[in-house]
PDB file of N, CA and C in Angstrom:
ATOM      1  N   MET A   1     169.336 238.696-129.223  1.00  0.00           N
ATOM      2  CA  MET A   1     168.474 238.783-128.068  1.00  0.00           C
ATOM      3  C   MET A   1     168.509 240.204-127.536  1.00  0.00           C
ATOM      4  N   ASP A   2     167.355 240.687-127.149  1.00  0.00           N
ATOM      5  CA  ASP A   2     167.238 241.987-126.493  1.00  0.00           C
ATOM      6  C   ASP A   2     166.959 241.752-125.015  1.00  0.00           C
ATOM      7  N   ILE A   3     167.414 242.682-124.192  1.00  0.00           N
ATOM      8  CA  ILE A   3     167.169 242.620-122.753  1.00  0.00           C
ATOM      9  C   ILE A   3     166.582 243.951-122.327  1.00  0.00           C
ATOM     10  N   GLN A   4     165.427 243.897-121.683  1.00  0.00           N
ATOM     11  CA  GLN A   4     164.795 245.098-121.151  1.00  0.00           C
ATOM     12  C   GLN A   4     164.790 245.003-119.633  1.00  0.00           C
ATOM     13  N   LYS A   5     165.074 246.122-118.985  1.00  0.00           N
ATOM     14  CA  LYS A   5     165.083 246.167-117.525  1.00  0.00           C
ATOM     15  C   LYS A   5     163.937 247.047-117.044  1.00  0.00           C
ATOM     16  N   LEU A   6     163.248 246.562-116.019  1.00  0.00           N
ATOM     17  CA  LEU A   6     162.148 247.305-115.419  1.00  0.00           C
ATOM     18  C   LEU A   6     162.234 247.123-113.914  1.00  0.00           C
ATOM     19  N   GLU A   7     162.138 248.216-113.172  1.00  0.00           N
ATOM     20  CA  GLU A   7     162.118 248.127-111.713  1.00  0.00           C
ATOM     21  C   GLU A   7     160.694 248.323-111.234  1.00  0.00           C
ATOM     22  N   GLN A   8     160.211 247.342-110.462  1.00  0.00           N
ATOM     23  CA  GLN A   8     158.853 247.384-109.926  1.00  0.00           C
ATOM     24  C   GLN A   8     158.927 247.167-108.428  1.00  0.00           C
ATOM     25  N   GLY A   9     158.953 248.247-107.678  1.00  0.00           N
ATOM     26  CA  GLY A   9     159.064 248.132-106.226  1.00  0.00           C
ATOM     27  C   GLY A   9     160.376 247.481-105.848  1.00  0.00           C
ATOM     28  N   SER A  10     160.303 246.373-105.113  1.00  0.00           N
ATOM     29  CA  SER A  10     161.523 245.679-104.691  1.00  0.00           C
ATOM     30  C   SER A  10     162.032 244.705-105.747  1.00  0.00           C
ATOM     31  N   GLU A  11     161.283 244.563-106.854  1.00  0.00           N
ATOM     32  CA  GLU A  11     161.682 243.647-107.919  1.00  0.00           C
ATOM     33  C   GLU A  11     162.443 244.368-109.024  1.00  0.00           C
ATOM     34  N   VAL A  12     163.468 243.698-109.522  1.00  0.00           N
ATOM     35  CA  VAL A  12     164.122 244.124-110.756  1.00  0.00           C
ATOM     36  C   VAL A  12     163.797 243.049-111.780  1.00  0.00           C
ATOM     37  N   VAL A  13     163.152 243.466-112.859  1.00  0.00           N
ATOM     38  CA  VAL A  13     162.728 242.524-113.894  1.00  0.00           C
ATOM     39  C   VAL A  13     163.648 242.671-115.099  1.00  0.00           C
ATOM     40  N   LEU A  14     164.243 241.562-115.505  1.00  0.00           N
ATOM     41  CA  LEU A  14     165.000 241.513-116.744  1.00  0.00           C
ATOM     42  C   LEU A  14     164.193 240.682-117.730  1.00  0.00           C
ATOM     43  N   LYS A  15     163.768 241.317-118.805  1.00  0.00           N
ATOM     44  CA  LYS A  15     162.972 240.627-119.822  1.00  0.00           C
ATOM     45  C   LYS A  15     163.891 240.267-120.984  1.00  0.00           C
ATOM     46  N   PHE A  16     163.952 238.980-121.277  1.00  0.00           N
ATOM     47  CA  PHE A  16     164.806 238.472-122.345  1.00  0.00           C
ATOM     48  C   PHE A  16     163.934 238.183-123.560  1.00  0.00           C
ATOM     49  N   ILE A  17     164.316 238.761-124.698  1.00  0.00           N
ATOM     50  CA  ILE A  17     163.522 238.657-125.915  1.00  0.00           C
ATOM     51  C   ILE A  17     164.370 238.024-127.018  1.00  0.00           C
ATOM     52  N   GLY A  18     163.894 236.913-127.557  1.00  0.00           N
ATOM     53  CA  GLY A  18     164.618 236.247-128.643  1.00  0.00           C
ATOM     54  C   GLY A  18     165.165 234.898-128.205  1.00  0.00           C
ATOM     55  N   ARG A  19     166.439 234.673-128.457  1.00  0.00           N
ATOM     56  CA  ARG A  19     167.104 233.400-128.155  1.00  0.00           C
ATOM     57  C   ARG A  19     168.247 233.626-127.170  1.00  0.00           C
ATOM     58  N   MET A  20     168.320 232.789-126.149  1.00  0.00           N
ATOM     59  CA  MET A  20     169.439 232.842-125.217  1.00  0.00           C
ATOM     60  C   MET A  20     170.305 231.614-125.505  1.00  0.00           C
ATOM     61  N   ASP A  21     171.391 231.857-126.254  1.00  0.00           N
ATOM     62  CA  ASP A  21     172.268 230.770-126.651  1.00  0.00           C
ATOM     63  C   ASP A  21     173.717 231.175-126.415  1.00  0.00           C
ATOM     64  N   SER A  22     174.643 230.433-126.974  1.00  0.00           N
ATOM     65  CA  SER A  22     176.059 230.693-126.692  1.00  0.00           C
ATOM     66  C   SER A  22     176.512 232.072-127.158  1.00  0.00           C
ATOM     67  N   SER A  23     175.880 232.618-128.173  1.00  0.00           N
ATOM     68  CA  SER A  23     176.297 233.943-128.639  1.00  0.00           C
ATOM     69  C   SER A  23     175.651 235.078-127.847  1.00  0.00           C
ATOM     70  N   THR A  24     174.506 234.834-127.237  1.00  0.00           N
ATOM     71  CA  THR A  24     173.810 235.902-126.508  1.00  0.00           C
ATOM     72  C   THR A  24     173.892 235.772-124.988  1.00  0.00           C
ATOM     73  N   SER A  25     174.281 234.607-124.501  1.00  0.00           N
ATOM     74  CA  SER A  25     174.308 234.405-123.045  1.00  0.00           C
ATOM     75  C   SER A  25     175.316 235.299-122.314  1.00  0.00           C
ATOM     76  N   PRO A  26     176.453 235.691-122.917  1.00  0.00           N
ATOM     77  CA  PRO A  26     177.330 236.617-122.182  1.00  0.00           C
ATOM     78  C   PRO A  26     176.632 237.932-121.831  1.00  0.00           C
ATOM     79  N   ALA A  27     175.808 238.453-122.719  1.00  0.00           N
ATOM     80  CA  ALA A  27     175.070 239.687-122.418  1.00  0.00           C
ATOM     81  C   ALA A  27     174.043 239.450-121.310  1.00  0.00           C
ATOM     82  N   ALA A  28     173.408 238.289-121.343  1.00  0.00           N
ATOM     83  CA  ALA A  28     172.441 237.943-120.295  1.00  0.00           C
ATOM     84  C   ALA A  28     173.138 237.822-118.943  1.00  0.00           C
ATOM     85  N   GLU A  29     174.294 237.183-118.931  1.00  0.00           N
ATOM     86  CA  GLU A  29     175.068 237.037-117.685  1.00  0.00           C
ATOM     87  C   GLU A  29     175.483 238.402-117.148  1.00  0.00           C
ATOM     88  N   GLU A  30     175.952 239.258-118.030  1.00  0.00           N
ATOM     89  CA  GLU A  30     176.372 240.599-117.617  1.00  0.00           C
ATOM     90  C   GLU A  30     175.203 241.373-117.015  1.00  0.00           C
ATOM     91  N   ALA A  31     174.036 241.301-117.645  1.00  0.00           N
ATOM     92  CA  ALA A  31     172.854 241.998-117.128  1.00  0.00           C
ATOM     93  C   ALA A  31     172.462 241.457-115.761  1.00  0.00           C
ATOM     94  N   ALA A  32     172.526 240.140-115.587  1.00  0.00           N
ATOM     95  CA  ALA A  32     172.155 239.522-114.310  1.00  0.00           C
ATOM     96  C   ALA A  32     173.140 239.898-113.202  1.00  0.00           C
ATOM     97  N   VAL A  33     174.415 239.899-113.514  1.00  0.00           N
ATOM     98  CA  VAL A  33     175.434 240.241-112.511  1.00  0.00           C
ATOM     99  C   VAL A  33     175.265 241.680-112.048  1.00  0.00           C
ATOM    100  N   LYS A  34     174.905 242.576-112.962  1.00  0.00           N
ATOM    101  CA  LYS A  34     174.692 243.985-112.590  1.00  0.00           C
ATOM    102  C   LYS A  34     173.568 244.137-111.570  1.00  0.00           C
ATOM    103  N   GLU A  35     172.642 243.195-111.557  1.00  0.00           N
ATOM    104  CA  GLU A  35     171.474 243.284-110.666  1.00  0.00           C
ATOM    105  C   GLU A  35     171.582 242.359-109.460  1.00  0.00           C
ATOM    106  N   LYS A  36     172.783 241.918-109.126  1.00  0.00           N
ATOM    107  CA  LYS A  36     172.956 240.939-108.043  1.00  0.00           C
ATOM    108  C   LYS A  36     172.542 241.467-106.676  1.00  0.00           C
ATOM    109  N   GLU A  37     172.401 242.774-106.528  1.00  0.00           N
ATOM    110  CA  GLU A  37     171.977 243.350-105.247  1.00  0.00           C
ATOM    111  C   GLU A  37     170.460 243.378-105.097  1.00  0.00           C
ATOM    112  N   ALA A  38     169.745 243.068-106.155  1.00  0.00           N
ATOM    113  CA  ALA A  38     168.271 243.104-106.110  1.00  0.00           C
ATOM    114  C   ALA A  38     167.758 242.046-105.137  1.00  0.00           C
ATOM    115  N   GLU A  39     166.860 242.447-104.251  1.00  0.00           N
ATOM    116  CA  GLU A  39     166.275 241.483-103.312  1.00  0.00           C
ATOM    117  C   GLU A  39     165.456 240.437-104.045  1.00  0.00           C
ATOM    118  N   VAL A  40     164.744 240.871-105.076  1.00  0.00           N
ATOM    119  CA  VAL A  40     163.976 239.957-105.919  1.00  0.00           C
ATOM    120  C   VAL A  40     164.362 240.254-107.371  1.00  0.00           C
ATOM    121  N   LEU A  41     165.010 239.290-107.986  1.00  0.00           N
ATOM    122  CA  LEU A  41     165.392 239.411-109.389  1.00  0.00           C
ATOM    123  C   LEU A  41     164.464 238.510-110.191  1.00  0.00           C
ATOM    124  N   VAL A  42     163.807 239.102-111.177  1.00  0.00           N
ATOM    125  CA  VAL A  42     162.856 238.361-112.003  1.00  0.00           C
ATOM    126  C   VAL A  42     163.419 238.243-113.411  1.00  0.00           C
ATOM    127  N   PHE A  43     163.474 237.021-113.903  1.00  0.00           N
ATOM    128  CA  PHE A  43     163.803 236.780-115.303  1.00  0.00           C
ATOM    129  C   PHE A  43     162.474 236.566-116.021  1.00  0.00           C
ATOM    130  N   ASP A  44     162.076 237.522-116.836  1.00  0.00           N
ATOM    131  CA  ASP A  44     160.850 237.406-117.624  1.00  0.00           C
ATOM    132  C   ASP A  44     161.219 236.731-118.942  1.00  0.00           C
ATOM    133  N   LEU A  45     160.747 235.507-119.125  1.00  0.00           N
ATOM    134  CA  LEU A  45     161.067 234.731-120.325  1.00  0.00           C
ATOM    135  C   LEU A  45     159.871 234.625-121.267  1.00  0.00           C
ATOM    136  N   SER A  46     158.890 235.484-121.095  1.00  0.00           N
ATOM    137  CA  SER A  46     157.660 235.385-121.882  1.00  0.00           C
ATOM    138  C   SER A  46     157.889 235.576-123.376  1.00  0.00           C
ATOM    139  N   GLU A  47     158.975 236.233-123.739  1.00  0.00           N
ATOM    140  CA  GLU A  47     159.280 236.432-125.159  1.00  0.00           C
ATOM    141  C   GLU A  47     160.586 235.750-125.557  1.00  0.00           C
ATOM    142  N   LEU A  48     161.007 234.767-124.767  1.00  0.00           N
ATOM    143  CA  LEU A  48     162.197 233.991-125.100  1.00  0.00           C
ATOM    144  C   LEU A  48     161.752 232.773-125.901  1.00  0.00           C
ATOM    145  N   SER A  49     162.268 232.643-127.106  1.00  0.00           N
ATOM    146  CA  SER A  49     161.835 231.553-127.985  1.00  0.00           C
ATOM    147  C   SER A  49     162.686 230.299-127.834  1.00  0.00           C
ATOM    148  N   TYR A  50     163.902 230.434-127.302  1.00  0.00           N
ATOM    149  CA  TYR A  50     164.821 229.291-127.211  1.00  0.00           C
ATOM    150  C   TYR A  50     165.838 229.561-126.122  1.00  0.00           C
ATOM    151  N   ILE A  51     166.254 228.496-125.431  1.00  0.00           N
ATOM    152  CA  ILE A  51     167.333 228.606-124.455  1.00  0.00           C
ATOM    153  C   ILE A  51     168.242 227.393-124.610  1.00  0.00           C
ATOM    154  N   SER A  52     169.537 227.643-124.706  1.00  0.00           N
ATOM    155  CA  SER A  52     170.519 226.565-124.837  1.00  0.00           C
ATOM    156  C   SER A  52     171.143 226.277-123.472  1.00  0.00           C
ATOM    157  N   SER A  53     172.090 225.357-123.456  1.00  0.00           N
ATOM    158  CA  SER A  53     172.786 225.051-122.198  1.00  0.00           C
ATOM    159  C   SER A  53     173.531 226.274-121.679  1.00  0.00           C
ATOM    160  N   ALA A  54     174.011 227.124-122.575  1.00  0.00           N
ATOM    161  CA  ALA A  54     174.683 228.355-122.133  1.00  0.00           C
ATOM    162  C   ALA A  54     173.696 229.272-121.410  1.00  0.00           C
ATOM    163  N   GLY A  55     172.479 229.336-121.899  1.00  0.00           N
ATOM    164  CA  GLY A  55     171.449 230.132-121.234  1.00  0.00           C
ATOM    165  C   GLY A  55     171.047 229.543-119.899  1.00  0.00           C
ATOM    166  N   LEU A  56     170.988 228.213-119.839  1.00  0.00           N
ATOM    167  CA  LEU A  56     170.690 227.549-118.567  1.00  0.00           C
ATOM    168  C   LEU A  56     171.752 227.862-117.527  1.00  0.00           C
ATOM    169  N   ARG A  57     173.000 227.939-117.963  1.00  0.00           N
ATOM    170  CA  ARG A  57     174.084 228.291-117.031  1.00  0.00           C
ATOM    171  C   ARG A  57     173.897 229.692-116.474  1.00  0.00           C
ATOM    172  N   VAL A  58     173.416 230.622-117.308  1.00  0.00           N
ATOM    173  CA  VAL A  58     173.144 231.989-116.841  1.00  0.00           C
ATOM    174  C   VAL A  58     172.111 231.958-115.721  1.00  0.00           C
ATOM    175  N   ILE A  59     171.047 231.210-115.922  1.00  0.00           N
ATOM    176  CA  ILE A  59     169.983 231.123-114.919  1.00  0.00           C
ATOM    177  C   ILE A  59     170.495 230.447-113.650  1.00  0.00           C
ATOM    178  N   LEU A  60     171.245 229.366-113.791  1.00  0.00           N
ATOM    179  CA  LEU A  60     171.779 228.663-112.631  1.00  0.00           C
ATOM    180  C   LEU A  60     172.745 229.546-111.845  1.00  0.00           C
ATOM    181  N   SER A  61     173.596 230.281-112.537  1.00  0.00           N
ATOM    182  CA  SER A  61     174.533 231.194-111.858  1.00  0.00           C
ATOM    183  C   SER A  61     173.776 232.280-111.099  1.00  0.00           C
ATOM    184  N   ALA A  62     172.740 232.829-111.728  1.00  0.00           N
ATOM    185  CA  ALA A  62     171.942 233.867-111.060  1.00  0.00           C
ATOM    186  C   ALA A  62     171.239 233.295-109.835  1.00  0.00           C
ATOM    187  N   GLN A  63     170.723 232.079-109.964  1.00  0.00           N
ATOM    188  CA  GLN A  63     170.061 231.416-108.834  1.00  0.00           C
ATOM    189  C   GLN A  63     171.044 231.258-107.664  1.00  0.00           C
ATOM    190  N   LYS A  64     172.248 230.806-107.961  1.00  0.00           N
ATOM    191  CA  LYS A  64     173.259 230.617-106.905  1.00  0.00           C
ATOM    192  C   LYS A  64     173.641 231.940-106.256  1.00  0.00           C
ATOM    193  N   ARG A  65     173.812 233.001-107.062  1.00  0.00           N
ATOM    194  CA  ARG A  65     174.160 234.319-106.497  1.00  0.00           C
ATOM    195  C   ARG A  65     173.046 234.824-105.597  1.00  0.00           C
ATOM    196  N   GLN A  66     171.810 234.706-106.059  1.00  0.00           N
ATOM    197  CA  GLN A  66     170.678 235.198-105.273  1.00  0.00           C
ATOM    198  C   GLN A  66     170.544 234.420-103.963  1.00  0.00           C
ATOM    199  N   MET A  67     170.685 233.115-104.023  1.00  0.00           N
ATOM    200  CA  MET A  67     170.581 232.299-102.812  1.00  0.00           C
ATOM    201  C   MET A  67     171.693 232.623-101.824  1.00  0.00           C
ATOM    202  N   ALA A  68     172.911 232.819-102.318  1.00  0.00           N
ATOM    203  CA  ALA A  68     174.044 233.139-101.445  1.00  0.00           C
ATOM    204  C   ALA A  68     173.820 234.472-100.720  1.00  0.00           C
ATOM    205  N   ALA A  69     173.145 235.393-101.393  1.00  0.00           N
ATOM    206  CA  ALA A  69     172.851 236.704-100.796  1.00  0.00           C
ATOM    207  C   ALA A  69     171.547 236.699-100.006  1.00  0.00           C
ATOM    208  N   LYS A  70     170.897 235.524 -99.915  1.00  0.00           N
ATOM    209  CA  LYS A  70     169.590 235.393 -99.265  1.00  0.00           C
ATOM    210  C   LYS A  70     168.541 236.245 -99.968  1.00  0.00           C
ATOM    211  N   HIS A  71     168.683 236.344-101.281  1.00  0.00           N
ATOM    212  CA  HIS A  71     167.728 237.032-102.129  1.00  0.00           C
ATOM    213  C   HIS A  71     166.994 235.993-102.968  1.00  0.00           C
ATOM    214  N   GLN A  72     166.084 236.445-103.811  1.00  0.00           N
ATOM    215  CA  GLN A  72     165.237 235.522-104.549  1.00  0.00           C
ATOM    216  C   GLN A  72     165.359 235.746-106.054  1.00  0.00           C
ATOM    217  N   LEU A  73     165.353 234.645-106.792  1.00  0.00           N
ATOM    218  CA  LEU A  73     165.248 234.682-108.249  1.00  0.00           C
ATOM    219  C   LEU A  73     163.917 234.048-108.630  1.00  0.00           C
ATOM    220  N   ILE A  74     163.155 234.759-109.450  1.00  0.00           N
ATOM    221  CA  ILE A  74     161.889 234.241-109.966  1.00  0.00           C
ATOM    222  C   ILE A  74     162.001 234.193-111.486  1.00  0.00           C
ATOM    223  N   VAL A  75     161.617 233.066-112.053  1.00  0.00           N
ATOM    224  CA  VAL A  75     161.561 232.931-113.508  1.00  0.00           C
ATOM    225  C   VAL A  75     160.093 232.979-113.887  1.00  0.00           C
ATOM    226  N   ARG A  76     159.752 233.965-114.680  1.00  0.00           N
ATOM    227  CA  ARG A  76     158.347 234.248-114.978  1.00  0.00           C
ATOM    228  C   ARG A  76     158.061 234.104-116.474  1.00  0.00           C
ATOM    229  N   GLY A  77     156.914 233.516-116.783  1.00  0.00           N
ATOM    230  CA  GLY A  77     156.385 233.552-118.135  1.00  0.00           C
ATOM    231  C   GLY A  77     157.048 232.646-119.160  1.00  0.00           C
ATOM    232  N   ALA A  78     157.745 231.617-118.711  1.00  0.00           N
ATOM    233  CA  ALA A  78     158.404 230.726-119.671  1.00  0.00           C
ATOM    234  C   ALA A  78     157.364 230.039-120.543  1.00  0.00           C
ATOM    235  N   GLY A  79     157.596 230.070-121.840  1.00  0.00           N
ATOM    236  CA  GLY A  79     156.687 229.440-122.790  1.00  0.00           C
ATOM    237  C   GLY A  79     156.862 227.930-122.828  1.00  0.00           C
ATOM    238  N   GLU A  80     156.080 227.292-123.654  1.00  0.00           N
ATOM    239  CA  GLU A  80     156.053 225.835-123.723  1.00  0.00           C
ATOM    240  C   GLU A  80     157.419 225.237-124.072  1.00  0.00           C
ATOM    241  N   THR A  81     158.102 225.805-125.055  1.00  0.00           N
ATOM    242  CA  THR A  81     159.401 225.279-125.482  1.00  0.00           C
ATOM    243  C   THR A  81     160.429 225.378-124.357  1.00  0.00           C
ATOM    244  N   VAL A  82     160.484 226.527-123.720  1.00  0.00           N
ATOM    245  CA  VAL A  82     161.447 226.731-122.626  1.00  0.00           C
ATOM    246  C   VAL A  82     161.073 225.850-121.434  1.00  0.00           C
ATOM    247  N   MET A  83     159.782 225.733-121.130  1.00  0.00           N
ATOM    248  CA  MET A  83     159.359 224.885-120.014  1.00  0.00           C
ATOM    249  C   MET A  83     159.730 223.423-120.254  1.00  0.00           C
ATOM    250  N   GLU A  84     159.630 222.969-121.488  1.00  0.00           N
ATOM    251  CA  GLU A  84     160.033 221.598-121.796  1.00  0.00           C
ATOM    252  C   GLU A  84     161.515 221.388-121.486  1.00  0.00           C
ATOM    253  N   ILE A  85     162.325 222.367-121.817  1.00  0.00           N
ATOM    254  CA  ILE A  85     163.758 222.283-121.525  1.00  0.00           C
ATOM    255  C   ILE A  85     163.978 222.275-120.014  1.00  0.00           C
ATOM    256  N   PHE A  86     163.239 223.111-119.279  1.00  0.00           N
ATOM    257  CA  PHE A  86     163.341 223.119-117.813  1.00  0.00           C
ATOM    258  C   PHE A  86     162.958 221.763-117.227  1.00  0.00           C
ATOM    259  N   GLU A  87     161.935 221.139-117.777  1.00  0.00           N
ATOM    260  CA  GLU A  87     161.490 219.834-117.276  1.00  0.00           C
ATOM    261  C   GLU A  87     162.540 218.752-117.538  1.00  0.00           C
ATOM    262  N   VAL A  88     163.070 218.709-118.754  1.00  0.00           N
ATOM    263  CA  VAL A  88     164.053 217.685-119.126  1.00  0.00           C
ATOM    264  C   VAL A  88     165.338 217.818-118.306  1.00  0.00           C
ATOM    265  N   THR A  89     165.743 219.055-118.039  1.00  0.00           N
ATOM    266  CA  THR A  89     167.002 219.284-117.326  1.00  0.00           C
ATOM    267  C   THR A  89     166.856 219.283-115.805  1.00  0.00           C
ATOM    268  N   GLY A  90     165.626 219.270-115.305  1.00  0.00           N
ATOM    269  CA  GLY A  90     165.414 219.302-113.868  1.00  0.00           C
ATOM    270  C   GLY A  90     165.372 220.711-113.293  1.00  0.00           C
ATOM    271  N   PHE A  91     165.518 221.722-114.141  1.00  0.00           N
ATOM    272  CA  PHE A  91     165.482 223.106-113.665  1.00  0.00           C
ATOM    273  C   PHE A  91     164.117 223.445-113.076  1.00  0.00           C
ATOM    274  N   LYS A  92     163.077 222.777-113.555  1.00  0.00           N
ATOM    275  CA  LYS A  92     161.725 223.026-113.042  1.00  0.00           C
ATOM    276  C   LYS A  92     161.661 222.795-111.532  1.00  0.00           C
ATOM    277  N   ASP A  93     162.482 221.879-111.043  1.00  0.00           N
ATOM    278  CA  ASP A  93     162.463 221.526-109.621  1.00  0.00           C
ATOM    279  C   ASP A  93     163.312 222.447-108.751  1.00  0.00           C
ATOM    280  N   ILE A  94     164.222 223.205-109.352  1.00  0.00           N
ATOM    281  CA  ILE A  94     165.119 224.044-108.537  1.00  0.00           C
ATOM    282  C   ILE A  94     164.840 225.535-108.659  1.00  0.00           C
ATOM    283  N   LEU A  95     163.954 225.922-109.591  1.00  0.00           N
ATOM    284  CA  LEU A  95     163.665 227.336-109.796  1.00  0.00           C
ATOM    285  C   LEU A  95     162.292 227.691-109.241  1.00  0.00           C
ATOM    286  N   THR A  96     162.122 228.956-108.904  1.00  0.00           N
ATOM    287  CA  THR A  96     160.804 229.478-108.580  1.00  0.00           C
ATOM    288  C   THR A  96     160.197 229.957-109.876  1.00  0.00           C
ATOM    289  N   LEU A  97     159.193 229.235-110.350  1.00  0.00           N
ATOM    290  CA  LEU A  97     158.566 229.522-111.632  1.00  0.00           C
ATOM    291  C   LEU A  97     157.191 230.145-111.426  1.00  0.00           C
ATOM    292  N   GLU A  98     156.899 231.145-112.212  1.00  0.00           N
ATOM    293  CA  GLU A  98     155.566 231.782-112.186  1.00  0.00           C
ATOM    294  C   GLU A  98     155.018 231.827-113.591  1.00  0.00           C
TER     295      GLU A  98
END
């Protein structure tokens, strides 16, 4: 998995490319933790082909950190496969999806 960072005004966008699974989620977690001060943290999943439970934990941890800081996490561009996983796990109901 590749991770690209882009700053757009008050948003910090982390774009995840490839698969977020048990072998790649530590890098995703590290990237998210580095941006914990961002008022708006965006996870761009438009090029994410797969997400495992380890990847879901990364998103849930980031959501909790952002909420505790009174900041926002936005998940943007999730494809059909990832959205199906969000629906089955209930993540669709707890995340801000665009």
